[in-house]
C-alpha atoms as a PDB file:
ATOM      1  CA  MET A   1     -22.264 -13.694   8.516  1.00  0.00           C
ATOM      2  CA  THR A   2     -18.577 -14.315   7.944  1.00  0.00           C
ATOM      3  CA  LYS A   3     -17.664 -17.932   7.390  1.00  0.00           C
ATOM      4  CA  ALA A   4     -14.597 -20.063   7.001  1.00  0.00           C
ATOM      5  CA  VAL A   5     -13.308 -20.694   3.489  1.00  0.00           C
ATOM      6  CA  ALA A   6     -15.122 -23.631   1.920  1.00  0.00           C
ATOM      7  CA  PHE A   7     -14.211 -25.658  -1.154  1.00  0.00           C
ATOM      8  CA  GLY A   8     -16.882 -26.243  -3.750  1.00  0.00           C
ATOM      9  CA  THR A   9     -17.092 -25.399  -7.423  1.00  0.00           C
ATOM     10  CA  VAL A  10     -14.433 -22.767  -6.931  1.00  0.00           C
ATOM     11  CA  VAL A  11     -10.778 -23.703  -6.872  1.00  0.00           C
ATOM     12  CA  VAL A  12      -8.962 -21.553  -4.313  1.00  0.00           C
ATOM     13  CA  ALA A  13      -5.246 -20.920  -4.044  1.00  0.00           C
ATOM     14  CA  VAL A  14      -3.589 -18.817  -1.384  1.00  0.00           C
ATOM     15  CA  CYS A  15      -1.425 -16.375  -3.284  1.00  0.00           C
ATOM     16  CA  ALA A  16       0.287 -14.754  -0.340  1.00  0.00           C
ATOM     17  CA  ALA A  17       0.386 -15.056   3.395  1.00  0.00           C
ATOM     18  CA  LEU A  18       0.016 -11.978   5.581  1.00  0.00           C
ATOM     19  CA  SER A  19       2.321  -9.362   4.154  1.00  0.00           C
ATOM     20  CA  VAL A  20       2.537  -5.611   4.059  1.00  0.00           C
ATOM     21  CA  GLY A  21       0.989  -3.882   1.056  1.00  0.00           C
ATOM     22  CA  GLY A  22       0.222  -0.201   0.608  1.00  0.00           C
ATOM     23  CA  GLY A  23       0.969   0.515   4.260  1.00  0.00           C
ATOM     24  CA  ARG A  24      -1.305  -2.098   5.818  1.00  0.00           C
ATOM     25  CA  LEU A  25      -1.512  -5.824   6.176  1.00  0.00           C
ATOM     26  CA  VAL A  26      -2.993  -7.546   3.158  1.00  0.00           C
ATOM     27  CA  ARG A  27      -3.929 -11.162   2.545  1.00  0.00           C
ATOM     28  CA  ALA A  28      -4.438 -12.054  -1.094  1.00  0.00           C
ATOM     29  CA  VAL A  29      -6.529 -15.042  -2.110  1.00  0.00           C
ATOM     30  CA  GLU A  30      -7.204 -16.011  -5.695  1.00  0.00           C
ATOM     31  CA  ALA A  31     -10.397 -17.721  -6.718  1.00  0.00           C
ATOM     32  CA  ARG A  32     -10.937 -19.240 -10.122  1.00  0.00           C
ATOM     33  CA  GLN A  33     -14.391 -20.214 -11.278  1.00  0.00           C
ATOM     34  CA  ALA A  34     -14.387 -23.846 -12.422  1.00  0.00           C
ATOM     35  CA  GLY A  35     -14.927 -24.027 -16.169  1.00  0.00           C
ATOM     36  CA  ALA A  36     -14.198 -20.324 -16.630  1.00  0.00           C
ATOM     37  CA  GLN A  37     -10.436 -20.268 -16.662  1.00  0.00           C
ATOM     38  CA  ASP A  38     -10.291 -16.797 -18.161  1.00  0.00           C
ATOM     39  CA  ARG A  39     -12.247 -15.201 -15.297  1.00  0.00           C
ATOM     40  CA  VAL A  40     -10.211 -15.021 -12.138  1.00  0.00           C
ATOM     41  CA  VAL A  41     -11.190 -12.805  -9.217  1.00  0.00           C
ATOM     42  CA  ASN A  42      -8.488 -11.996  -6.692  1.00  0.00           C
ATOM     43  CA  ILE A  43      -9.559 -11.215  -3.115  1.00  0.00           C
ATOM     44  CA  GLN A  44      -7.396  -8.908  -1.030  1.00  0.00           C
ATOM     45  CA  TYR A  45      -8.199  -8.477   2.642  1.00  0.00           C
ATOM     46  CA  ILE A  46      -7.986  -4.964   4.104  1.00  0.00           C
ATOM     47  CA  PRO A  47      -7.819  -5.092   7.917  1.00  0.00           C
ATOM     48  CA  GLY A  48      -8.873  -1.457   8.307  1.00  0.00           C
ATOM     49  CA  MET A  49      -6.481  -0.696  11.148  1.00  0.00           C
ATOM     50  CA  SER A  50      -4.526   2.206   9.667  1.00  0.00           C
ATOM     51  CA  ASN A  51      -6.429   5.049  11.297  1.00  0.00           C
ATOM     52  CA  ALA A  52      -4.317   6.642  14.038  1.00  0.00           C
ATOM     53  CA  GLU A  53      -7.263   6.755  16.458  1.00  0.00           C
ATOM     54  CA  LYS A  54      -7.857   3.030  16.000  1.00  0.00           C
ATOM     55  CA  LEU A  55      -4.202   2.219  16.422  1.00  0.00           C
ATOM     56  CA  ALA A  56      -4.213   4.107  19.717  1.00  0.00           C
ATOM     57  CA  ASP A  57      -6.932   1.778  21.007  1.00  0.00           C
ATOM     58  CA  PRO A  58      -6.918  -1.312  18.757  1.00  0.00           C
ATOM     59  CA  PHE A  59      -9.184  -3.302  21.087  1.00  0.00           C
ATOM     60  CA  SER A  60     -12.029  -0.895  20.385  1.00  0.00           C
ATOM     61  CA  ALA A  61     -11.698  -1.275  16.625  1.00  0.00           C
ATOM     62  CA  THR A  62     -14.303  -3.132  14.599  1.00  0.00           C
ATOM     63  CA  TYR A  63     -13.183  -6.388  13.023  1.00  0.00           C
ATOM     64  CA  SER A  64     -12.806  -5.690   9.329  1.00  0.00           C
ATOM     65  CA  THR A  65     -14.850  -7.455   6.675  1.00  0.00           C
ATOM     66  CA  LEU A  66     -13.502  -5.174   3.948  1.00  0.00           C
ATOM     67  CA  TYR A  67     -12.123  -6.820   0.817  1.00  0.00           C
ATOM     68  CA  LEU A  68     -10.785  -5.509  -2.472  1.00  0.00           C
ATOM     69  CA  LEU A  69     -11.711  -7.607  -5.513  1.00  0.00           C
ATOM     70  CA  ARG A  70      -9.692  -7.548  -8.717  1.00  0.00           C
ATOM     71  CA  GLY A  71     -10.997  -9.096 -11.901  1.00  0.00           C
ATOM     72  CA  GLY A  72     -12.415  -7.791 -15.170  1.00  0.00           C
ATOM     73  CA  GLY A  73     -12.799  -4.020 -15.254  1.00  0.00           C
ATOM     74  CA  GLY A  74     -12.390  -1.669 -12.330  1.00  0.00           C
ATOM     75  CA  HIS A  75     -11.570  -2.966  -8.880  1.00  0.00           C
ATOM     76  CA  SER A  76     -14.444  -3.605  -6.474  1.00  0.00           C
ATOM     77  CA  LEU A  77     -14.726  -3.079  -2.728  1.00  0.00           C
ATOM     78  CA  THR A  78     -17.038  -5.130  -0.564  1.00  0.00           C
ATOM     79  CA  PHE A  79     -17.882  -5.504   3.098  1.00  0.00           C
ATOM     80  CA  GLU A  80     -20.564  -6.986   5.325  1.00  0.00           C
ATOM     81  CA  SER A  81     -23.122  -4.755   7.014  1.00  0.00           C
ATOM     82  CA  ASP A  82     -26.048  -5.503   9.302  1.00  0.00           C
ATOM     83  CA  ASP A  83     -28.173  -5.085   6.163  1.00  0.00           C
ATOM     84  CA  GLY A  84     -26.263  -7.550   3.977  1.00  0.00           C
ATOM     85  CA  VAL A  85     -23.199  -7.304   1.763  1.00  0.00           C
ATOM     86  CA  ILE A  86     -22.383  -3.961   0.149  1.00  0.00           C
ATOM     87  CA  LEU A  87     -20.571  -4.082  -3.196  1.00  0.00           C
ATOM     88  CA  ILE A  88     -18.922  -1.027  -4.731  1.00  0.00           C
ATOM     89  CA  SER A  89     -18.469  -1.538  -8.487  1.00  0.00           C
ATOM     90  CA  THR A  90     -19.819  -4.644 -10.216  1.00  0.00           C
ATOM     91  CA  MET A  91     -17.001  -4.866 -12.785  1.00  0.00           C
ATOM     92  CA  ALA A  92     -17.568  -5.636 -16.470  1.00  0.00           C
ATOM     93  CA  PRO A  93     -20.434  -7.759 -17.842  1.00  0.00           C
ATOM     94  CA  GLY A  94     -19.973 -11.445 -17.088  1.00  0.00           C
ATOM     95  CA  TRP A  95     -17.990 -10.949 -13.894  1.00  0.00           C
ATOM     96  CA  GLY A  96     -20.901 -11.074 -11.473  1.00  0.00           C
ATOM     97  CA  GLY A  97     -20.791 -14.874 -11.220  1.00  0.00           C
ATOM     98  CA  PRO A  98     -17.084 -15.051 -10.341  1.00  0.00           C
ATOM     99  CA  ILE A  99     -17.569 -12.238  -7.801  1.00  0.00           C
ATOM    100  CA  LEU A 100     -20.432 -14.117  -6.140  1.00  0.00           C
ATOM    101  CA  ASP A 101     -18.347 -17.284  -6.082  1.00  0.00           C
ATOM    102  CA  VAL A 102     -15.530 -15.637  -4.167  1.00  0.00           C
ATOM    103  CA  LEU A 103     -17.929 -13.813  -1.855  1.00  0.00           C
ATOM    104  CA  GLY A 104     -19.381 -17.216  -1.039  1.00  0.00           C
ATOM    105  CA  LEU A 105     -15.979 -18.141   0.381  1.00  0.00           C
ATOM    106  CA  ILE A 106     -16.074 -15.398   3.009  1.00  0.00           C
ATOM    107  CA  THR A 107     -19.736 -14.777   3.856  1.00  0.00           C
ATOM    108  CA  GLU A 108     -23.148 -16.419   3.866  1.00  0.00           C
ATOM    109  CA  ASP A 109     -24.944 -13.081   3.525  1.00  0.00           C
ATOM    110  CA  PRO A 110     -26.465 -11.967   0.201  1.00  0.00           C
ATOM    111  CA  VAL A 111     -25.397  -8.901  -1.731  1.00  0.00           C
ATOM    112  CA  THR A 112     -28.139  -6.400  -0.934  1.00  0.00           C
ATOM    113  CA  THR A 113     -26.599  -3.072  -1.995  1.00  0.00           C
ATOM    114  CA  LEU A 114     -24.722  -2.071  -5.145  1.00  0.00           C
ATOM    115  CA  ILE A 115     -22.946   1.264  -5.476  1.00  0.00           C
ATOM    116  CA  ASN A 116     -22.146   2.412  -9.023  1.00  0.00           C
ATOM    117  CA  THR A 117     -19.497   5.133  -8.825  1.00  0.00           C
ATOM    118  CA  HIS A 118     -19.920   6.098 -12.478  1.00  0.00           C
ATOM    119  CA  PRO A 119     -21.565   4.748 -15.639  1.00  0.00           C
ATOM    120  CA  ASP A 120     -18.638   2.972 -17.358  1.00  0.00           C
ATOM    121  CA  SER A 121     -19.570  -0.591 -18.325  1.00  0.00           C
ATOM    122  CA  ASP A 122     -16.373  -1.984 -16.783  1.00  0.00           C
ATOM    123  CA  TYR A 123     -17.581  -0.715 -13.390  1.00  0.00           C
ATOM    124  CA  SER A 124     -21.373  -1.146 -13.669  1.00  0.00           C
ATOM    125  CA  GLY A 125     -21.776  -3.842 -16.333  1.00  0.00           C
ATOM    126  CA  GLY A 126     -22.299  -6.624 -13.803  1.00  0.00           C
ATOM    127  CA  ASN A 127     -25.363  -5.102 -12.108  1.00  0.00           C
ATOM    128  CA  ALA A 128     -27.775  -7.586 -13.670  1.00  0.00           C
ATOM    129  CA  GLU A 129     -25.830 -10.499 -12.179  1.00  0.00           C
ATOM    130  CA  PHE A 130     -26.765  -9.594  -8.585  1.00  0.00           C
ATOM    131  CA  PRO A 131     -30.497 -10.363  -8.372  1.00  0.00           C
ATOM    132  CA  SER A 132     -30.441 -10.281  -4.558  1.00  0.00           C
ATOM    133  CA  ALA A 133     -29.546  -6.568  -4.568  1.00  0.00           C
ATOM    134  CA  THR A 134     -32.573  -4.506  -3.612  1.00  0.00           C
ATOM    135  CA  ARG A 135     -30.803  -1.171  -3.538  1.00  0.00           C
ATOM    136  CA  ILE A 136     -28.630   0.177  -6.373  1.00  0.00           C
ATOM    137  CA  ILE A 137     -27.147   3.613  -5.725  1.00  0.00           C
ATOM    138  CA  ALA A 138     -25.506   6.177  -8.002  1.00  0.00           C
ATOM    139  CA  HIS A 139     -25.316   9.891  -8.624  1.00  0.00           C
ATOM    140  CA  ALA A 140     -28.310  11.197 -10.584  1.00  0.00           C
ATOM    141  CA  ASN A 141     -26.147  12.063 -13.607  1.00  0.00           C
ATOM    142  CA  ALA A 142     -24.627   8.579 -13.610  1.00  0.00           C
ATOM    143  CA  LYS A 143     -28.082   6.999 -13.729  1.00  0.00           C
ATOM    144  CA  THR A 144     -29.018   9.210 -16.685  1.00  0.00           C
ATOM    145  CA  ALA A 145     -25.908   8.067 -18.550  1.00  0.00           C
ATOM    146  CA  MET A 146     -26.449   4.412 -17.621  1.00  0.00           C
ATOM    147  CA  ALA A 147     -30.008   4.536 -18.971  1.00  0.00           C
ATOM    148  CA  ARG A 148     -28.511   5.127 -22.429  1.00  0.00           C
ATOM    149  CA  MET A 149     -26.209   2.092 -22.244  1.00  0.00           C
ATOM    150  CA  PRO A 150     -27.040  -1.157 -24.092  1.00  0.00           C
ATOM    151  CA  ALA A 151     -26.496  -3.135 -20.871  1.00  0.00           C
ATOM    152  CA  PHE A 152     -29.552  -1.487 -19.307  1.00  0.00           C
ATOM    153  CA  GLN A 153     -32.080  -1.729 -22.111  1.00  0.00           C
ATOM    154  CA  GLY A 154     -35.246  -3.816 -22.096  1.00  0.00           C
ATOM    155  CA  ASP A 155     -35.676  -6.076 -19.075  1.00  0.00           C
ATOM    156  CA  ASN A 156     -32.258  -5.031 -17.772  1.00  0.00           C
ATOM    157  CA  ALA A 157     -33.584  -1.537 -17.067  1.00  0.00           C
ATOM    158  CA  GLN A 158     -34.599  -2.963 -13.678  1.00  0.00           C
ATOM    159  CA  PHE A 159     -30.896  -3.037 -12.775  1.00  0.00           C
ATOM    160  CA  LEU A 160     -30.470   0.702 -13.170  1.00  0.00           C
ATOM    161  CA  PRO A 161     -29.908   2.617  -9.918  1.00  0.00           C
ATOM    162  CA  ASN A 162     -33.121   2.880  -7.911  1.00  0.00           C
ATOM    163  CA  THR A 163     -31.636   5.324  -5.398  1.00  0.00           C
ATOM    164  CA  VAL A 164     -29.880   8.506  -6.543  1.00  0.00           C
ATOM    165  CA  PHE A 165     -28.384  11.563  -4.886  1.00  0.00           C
ATOM    166  CA  ASP A 166     -27.166  14.992  -5.993  1.00  0.00           C
ATOM    167  CA  ASP A 167     -24.496  16.199  -3.557  1.00  0.00           C
ATOM    168  CA  ALA A 168     -24.083  13.775  -0.655  1.00  0.00           C
ATOM    169  CA  MET A 169     -25.747  10.789   0.927  1.00  0.00           C
ATOM    170  CA  SER A 170     -25.070   8.615   3.971  1.00  0.00           C
ATOM    171  CA  LEU A 171     -26.015   4.965   3.915  1.00  0.00           C
ATOM    172  CA  LEU A 172     -26.646   3.013   7.134  1.00  0.00           C
ATOM    173  CA  GLU A 173     -25.339   4.061  10.549  1.00  0.00           C
ATOM    174  CA  GLY A 174     -22.614   3.375  13.072  1.00  0.00           C
ATOM    175  CA  ARG A 175     -19.923   0.924  12.023  1.00  0.00           C
ATOM    176  CA  ASN A 176     -21.868   0.207   8.806  1.00  0.00           C
ATOM    177  CA  ARG A 177     -21.954   3.820   7.633  1.00  0.00           C
ATOM    178  CA  VAL A 178     -20.971   4.617   4.064  1.00  0.00           C
ATOM    179  CA  ASP A 179     -20.730   8.236   2.898  1.00  0.00           C
ATOM    180  CA  LEU A 180     -21.272   9.059  -0.770  1.00  0.00           C
ATOM    181  CA  HIS A 181     -20.134  12.385  -2.199  1.00  0.00           C
ATOM    182  CA  TYR A 182     -20.286  14.252  -5.481  1.00  0.00           C
ATOM    183  CA  PHE A 183     -17.652  16.975  -5.834  1.00  0.00           C
ATOM    184  CA  GLY A 184     -18.132  18.016  -9.455  1.00  0.00           C
ATOM    185  CA  ALA A 185     -17.142  16.933 -12.944  1.00  0.00           C
ATOM    186  CA  GLY A 186     -14.012  14.896 -13.516  1.00  0.00           C
ATOM    187  CA  HIS A 187     -13.932  11.560 -15.311  1.00  0.00           C
ATOM    188  CA  THR A 188     -17.675  12.106 -15.942  1.00  0.00           C
ATOM    189  CA  ASP A 189     -20.232  14.529 -14.511  1.00  0.00           C
ATOM    190  CA  GLY A 190     -21.549  11.854 -12.150  1.00  0.00           C
ATOM    191  CA  ASP A 191     -18.553  10.412 -10.299  1.00  0.00           C
ATOM    192  CA  THR A 192     -19.183   9.245  -6.740  1.00  0.00           C
ATOM    193  CA  VAL A 193     -16.500   9.250  -4.054  1.00  0.00           C
ATOM    194  CA  VAL A 194     -17.212   6.536  -1.488  1.00  0.00           C
ATOM    195  CA  ILE A 195     -15.881   6.933   2.064  1.00  0.00           C
ATOM    196  CA  ILE A 196     -16.052   4.065   4.562  1.00  0.00           C
ATOM    197  CA  PRO A 197     -15.141   5.721   7.885  1.00  0.00           C
ATOM    198  CA  THR A 198     -14.997   2.549   9.975  1.00  0.00           C
ATOM    199  CA  TYR A 199     -12.243   1.118   7.818  1.00  0.00           C
ATOM    200  CA  GLY A 200     -10.463   4.386   7.054  1.00  0.00           C
ATOM    201  CA  THR A 201     -10.790   3.770   3.324  1.00  0.00           C
ATOM    202  CA  ALA A 202     -12.081   5.728   0.327  1.00  0.00           C
ATOM    203  CA  TYR A 203     -12.871   4.535  -3.197  1.00  0.00           C
ATOM    204  CA  LEU A 204     -12.474   6.912  -6.146  1.00  0.00           C
ATOM    205  CA  GLY A 205     -13.092   4.758  -9.215  1.00  0.00           C
ATOM    206  CA  ASP A 206     -11.930   6.453 -12.407  1.00  0.00           C
ATOM    207  CA  LEU A 207     -11.561   9.843 -10.735  1.00  0.00           C
ATOM    208  CA  PHE A 208      -8.202   8.384  -9.701  1.00  0.00           C
ATOM    209  CA  PRO A 209      -7.742   5.179 -11.721  1.00  0.00           C
ATOM    210  CA  SER A 210      -3.960   4.894 -11.321  1.00  0.00           C
ATOM    211  CA  LYS A 211      -0.787   6.946 -11.558  1.00  0.00           C
ATOM    212  CA  ALA A 212      -1.299   7.746 -15.210  1.00  0.00           C
ATOM    213  CA  LEU A 213      -2.838  10.348 -17.472  1.00  0.00           C
ATOM    214  CA  PRO A 214      -6.503  10.918 -16.610  1.00  0.00           C
ATOM    215  CA  VAL A 215      -9.292   9.235 -18.511  1.00  0.00           C
ATOM    216  CA  ILE A 216     -11.894  11.862 -19.384  1.00  0.00           C
ATOM    217  CA  ASP A 217     -15.294  10.739 -20.675  1.00  0.00           C
ATOM    218  CA  THR A 218     -16.432  13.880 -22.450  1.00  0.00           C
ATOM    219  CA  ALA A 219     -19.527  12.129 -23.811  1.00  0.00           C
ATOM    220  CA  ASN A 220     -20.758  11.834 -20.235  1.00  0.00           C
ATOM    221  CA  GLY A 221     -19.790  15.302 -19.063  1.00  0.00           C
ATOM    222  CA  GLY A 222     -16.180  14.692 -18.005  1.00  0.00           C
ATOM    223  CA  SER A 223     -13.740  17.611 -17.892  1.00  0.00           C
ATOM    224  CA  ALA A 224      -9.938  17.637 -17.732  1.00  0.00           C
ATOM    225  CA  PHE A 225      -9.998  21.225 -16.458  1.00  0.00           C
ATOM    226  CA  ALA A 226     -12.510  20.494 -13.701  1.00  0.00           C
ATOM    227  CA  LEU A 227     -10.787  17.302 -12.554  1.00  0.00           C
ATOM    228  CA  PRO A 228      -8.033  18.786 -10.315  1.00  0.00           C
ATOM    229  CA  ASP A 229     -10.450  21.013  -8.403  1.00  0.00           C
ATOM    230  CA  THR A 230     -12.928  18.136  -8.032  1.00  0.00           C
ATOM    231  CA  LEU A 231     -10.159  15.920  -6.671  1.00  0.00           C
ATOM    232  CA  GLN A 232      -8.998  18.661  -4.307  1.00  0.00           C
ATOM    233  CA  ARG A 233     -12.473  18.872  -2.781  1.00  0.00           C
ATOM    234  CA  ALA A 234     -12.516  15.089  -2.501  1.00  0.00           C
ATOM    235  CA  LEU A 235      -9.138  15.119  -0.783  1.00  0.00           C
ATOM    236  CA  GLU A 236     -10.333  17.639   1.800  1.00  0.00           C
ATOM    237  CA  ALA A 237     -13.388  15.512   2.620  1.00  0.00           C
ATOM    238  CA  ILE A 238     -11.311  12.340   2.799  1.00  0.00           C
ATOM    239  CA  GLU A 239      -8.839  13.947   5.199  1.00  0.00           C
ATOM    240  CA  SER A 240     -11.680  15.297   7.355  1.00  0.00           C
ATOM    241  CA  ALA A 241     -13.127  11.784   7.602  1.00  0.00           C
ATOM    242  CA  GLY A 242      -9.854  10.412   8.951  1.00  0.00           C
ATOM    243  CA  VAL A 243      -9.222   8.247   5.901  1.00  0.00           C
ATOM    244  CA  ASP A 244      -5.674   7.056   5.379  1.00  0.00           C
ATOM    245  CA  TYR A 245      -5.964   4.887   2.282  1.00  0.00           C
ATOM    246  CA  VAL A 246      -7.508   5.377  -1.126  1.00  0.00           C
ATOM    247  CA  VAL A 247      -8.476   2.634  -3.564  1.00  0.00           C
ATOM    248  CA  ALA A 248      -7.748   3.794  -7.103  1.00  0.00           C
ATOM    249  CA  GLY A 249     -10.118   2.256  -9.647  1.00  0.00           C
ATOM    250  CA  LYS A 250      -7.475   0.401 -11.639  1.00  0.00           C
ATOM    251  CA  ALA A 251      -4.398   0.587  -9.452  1.00  0.00           C
ATOM    252  CA  PRO A 252      -1.676  -1.831 -10.568  1.00  0.00           C
ATOM    253  CA  THR A 253      -0.534  -4.868  -8.666  1.00  0.00           C
ATOM    254  CA  PHE A 254       2.767  -5.313  -6.906  1.00  0.00           C
ATOM    255  CA  ARG A 255       4.429  -8.175  -5.043  1.00  0.00           C
ATOM    256  CA  GLY A 256       2.540 -10.650  -7.161  1.00  0.00           C
ATOM    257  CA  ARG A 257      -1.229 -10.188  -7.103  1.00  0.00           C
ATOM    258  CA  GLN A 258      -1.705  -7.505  -4.471  1.00  0.00           C
ATOM    259  CA  VAL A 259      -3.242  -4.205  -5.566  1.00  0.00           C
ATOM    260  CA  GLN A 260      -1.329  -1.132  -4.452  1.00  0.00           C
ATOM    261  CA  LEU A 261      -3.365   0.932  -1.998  1.00  0.00           C
ATOM    262  CA  MET A 262      -2.835   4.667  -2.370  1.00  0.00           C
ATOM    263  CA  SER A 263      -2.193   7.145   0.427  1.00  0.00           C
ATOM    264  CA  ILE A 264      -3.406  10.699   0.952  1.00  0.00           C
ATOM    265  CA  ARG A 265       0.002  11.800  -0.291  1.00  0.00           C
ATOM    266  CA  ASP A 266      -0.488   9.777  -3.490  1.00  0.00           C
ATOM    267  CA  LEU A 267      -3.831  11.496  -4.097  1.00  0.00           C
ATOM    268  CA  GLN A 268      -2.291  14.944  -3.588  1.00  0.00           C
ATOM    269  CA  GLU A 269       0.507  14.002  -5.978  1.00  0.00           C
ATOM    270  CA  TYR A 270      -2.068  12.918  -8.578  1.00  0.00           C
ATOM    271  CA  ILE A 271      -3.820  16.274  -8.233  1.00  0.00           C
ATOM    272  CA  ASP A 272      -0.487  18.054  -8.714  1.00  0.00           C
ATOM    273  CA  PHE A 273       0.248  15.870 -11.737  1.00  0.00           C
ATOM    274  CA  ASN A 274      -3.034  16.835 -13.384  1.00  0.00           C
ATOM    275  CA  ARG A 275      -2.449  20.525 -12.728  1.00  0.00           C
ATOM    276  CA  ALA A 276       1.052  20.276 -14.217  1.00  0.00           C
ATOM    277  CA  PHE A 277      -0.277  18.404 -17.232  1.00  0.00           C
ATOM    278  CA  LEU A 278      -2.949  21.026 -17.899  1.00  0.00           C
ATOM    279  CA  ALA A 279      -0.408  23.835 -17.541  1.00  0.00           C
ATOM    280  CA  ALA A 280       1.983  22.158 -19.987  1.00  0.00           C
ATOM    281  CA  VAL A 281      -0.714  21.547 -22.583  1.00  0.00           C
ATOM    282  CA  LYS A 282      -2.130  25.054 -22.252  1.00  0.00           C
ATOM    283  CA  SER A 283       1.370  26.493 -22.669  1.00  0.00           C
ATOM    284  CA  ALA A 284       1.789  24.500 -25.875  1.00  0.00           C
ATOM    285  CA  ALA A 285      -1.575  25.720 -27.170  1.00  0.00           C
ATOM    286  CA  ASP A 286      -0.687  29.339 -26.322  1.00  0.00           C
ATOM    287  CA  ALA A 287       2.543  28.861 -28.299  1.00  0.00           C
ATOM    288  CA  GLY A 288       0.492  27.952 -31.361  1.00  0.00           C
ATOM    289  CA  LYS A 289       1.337  24.254 -31.414  1.00  0.00           C
ATOM    290  CA  SER A 290      -1.136  21.735 -32.790  1.00  0.00           C
ATOM    291  CA  ALA A 291      -2.458  19.044 -30.487  1.00  0.00           C
ATOM    292  CA  GLU A 292      -0.246  16.502 -32.243  1.00  0.00           C
ATOM    293  CA  ASP A 293       2.887  18.634 -31.789  1.00  0.00           C
ATOM    294  CA  ALA A 294       1.976  19.367 -28.188  1.00  0.00           C
ATOM    295  CA  ALA A 295       1.700  15.660 -27.430  1.00  0.00           C
ATOM    296  CA  ALA A 296       4.990  14.878 -29.171  1.00  0.00           C
ATOM    297  CA  THR A 297       6.950  17.562 -27.326  1.00  0.00           C
ATOM    298  CA  LEU A 298       5.185  17.557 -23.945  1.00  0.00           C
ATOM    299  CA  GLU A 299       7.537  17.826 -20.990  1.00  0.00           C
ATOM    300  CA  MET A 300       6.547  17.122 -17.408  1.00  0.00           C
ATOM    301  CA  PRO A 301       8.481  17.715 -14.175  1.00  0.00           C
ATOM    302  CA  ASP A 302      10.886  14.932 -13.255  1.00  0.00           C
ATOM    303  CA  LYS A 303       8.955  14.111 -10.081  1.00  0.00           C
ATOM    304  CA  PHE A 304       6.219  12.633 -12.296  1.00  0.00           C
ATOM    305  CA  SER A 305       8.603  10.413 -14.277  1.00  0.00           C
ATOM    306  CA  ALA A 306       6.929   7.237 -12.975  1.00  0.00           C
ATOM    307  CA  TYR A 307       3.525   8.208 -14.372  1.00  0.00           C
ATOM    308  CA  ASP A 308       2.184   6.309 -17.386  1.00  0.00           C
ATOM    309  CA  MET A 309       2.082   8.700 -20.357  1.00  0.00           C
ATOM    310  CA  GLU A 310       1.012   6.148 -22.978  1.00  0.00           C
ATOM    311  CA  ARG A 311      -2.289   7.911 -23.681  1.00  0.00           C
ATOM    312  CA  VAL A 312      -0.713  11.327 -24.137  1.00  0.00           C
ATOM    313  CA  GLN A 313      -2.151  11.978 -27.605  1.00  0.00           C
ATOM    314  CA  ASP A 314      -5.737  11.284 -26.523  1.00  0.00           C
ATOM    315  CA  ALA A 315      -5.329  13.222 -23.272  1.00  0.00           C
ATOM    316  CA  VAL A 316      -3.872  16.265 -25.018  1.00  0.00           C
ATOM    317  CA  ALA A 317      -6.614  16.176 -27.668  1.00  0.00           C
ATOM    318  CA  ILE A 318      -9.274  16.315 -24.957  1.00  0.00           C
ATOM    319  CA  VAL A 319      -7.630  19.336 -23.320  1.00  0.00           C
ATOM    320  CA  TYR A 320      -7.413  21.078 -26.713  1.00  0.00           C
ATOM    321  CA  SER A 321     -11.105  20.379 -27.324  1.00  0.00           C
ATOM    322  CA  GLU A 322     -11.952  22.030 -23.982  1.00  0.00           C
ATOM    323  CA  LEU A 323      -9.838  25.051 -24.922  1.00  0.00           C
ATOM    324  CA  GLN A 324     -11.956  25.683 -28.000  1.00  0.00           C
ATOM    325  CA  PRO A 325     -14.365  28.615 -27.545  1.00  0.00           C
END
């Protein structure tokens, strides 16, 4: 049940009135947990009215309860369903309390479903802080990786995913439906793409963290060479579902505290960027350059000049390791 904002142990400050962000209206609200000044969760409202079909008949559209949460670790998405609150990504350990505090400002319903898009602790580390969640969902490979993590040892093993899938899974029905997909290796070998058709939004986690060099977790089956093809399959499914906006796992903020929502065009550009990066690194390797020299002399097309290349040495080293026979 959605409720009006209430003041309690959480100090709330409106950071921005209704304004345009990432192609749709966004309202940003910041909530700071009293006594925990270093843990601030920012709430960004996503009206979910971008889909062309909905715009053609806005009176038939479902009122959005979709929010983006920004705090410690990867961004989270949350919305109310007839079965309780669904939370995608639980952020880093210690952030569950601040998340629950801000959710208490917008709903009286409990968090009943957690979706872990991949095993990184800054996306799944807060699982244990949501005791009301009865269903925790992830790809089967992600659960295997999470079972090795310190955060899920001993009594905390109960907060591992209790529902897994291999290729695809649909959760709930009608306006509550959430589609989960696995398209192959990328950041890890267990990355889930979450599509929320009602709100025309998809969440990609660290498959598309931001406009920057990819983060490849080779210890958990990630592959720089597989990533572009995996993302291309994701893009095709996202387009087929009528999605207009993509939430990148760690997209930067703009206009103050608002997270930049990505478009289909942004996702295609990111795929092209990764293909160009692989081609440039492979060309350097074919020329006999060391990984260090390749990183120091790497040149990318001018159209990618805005991309963050800070991690170039690590990214090139991973590609070189995959090139080894």
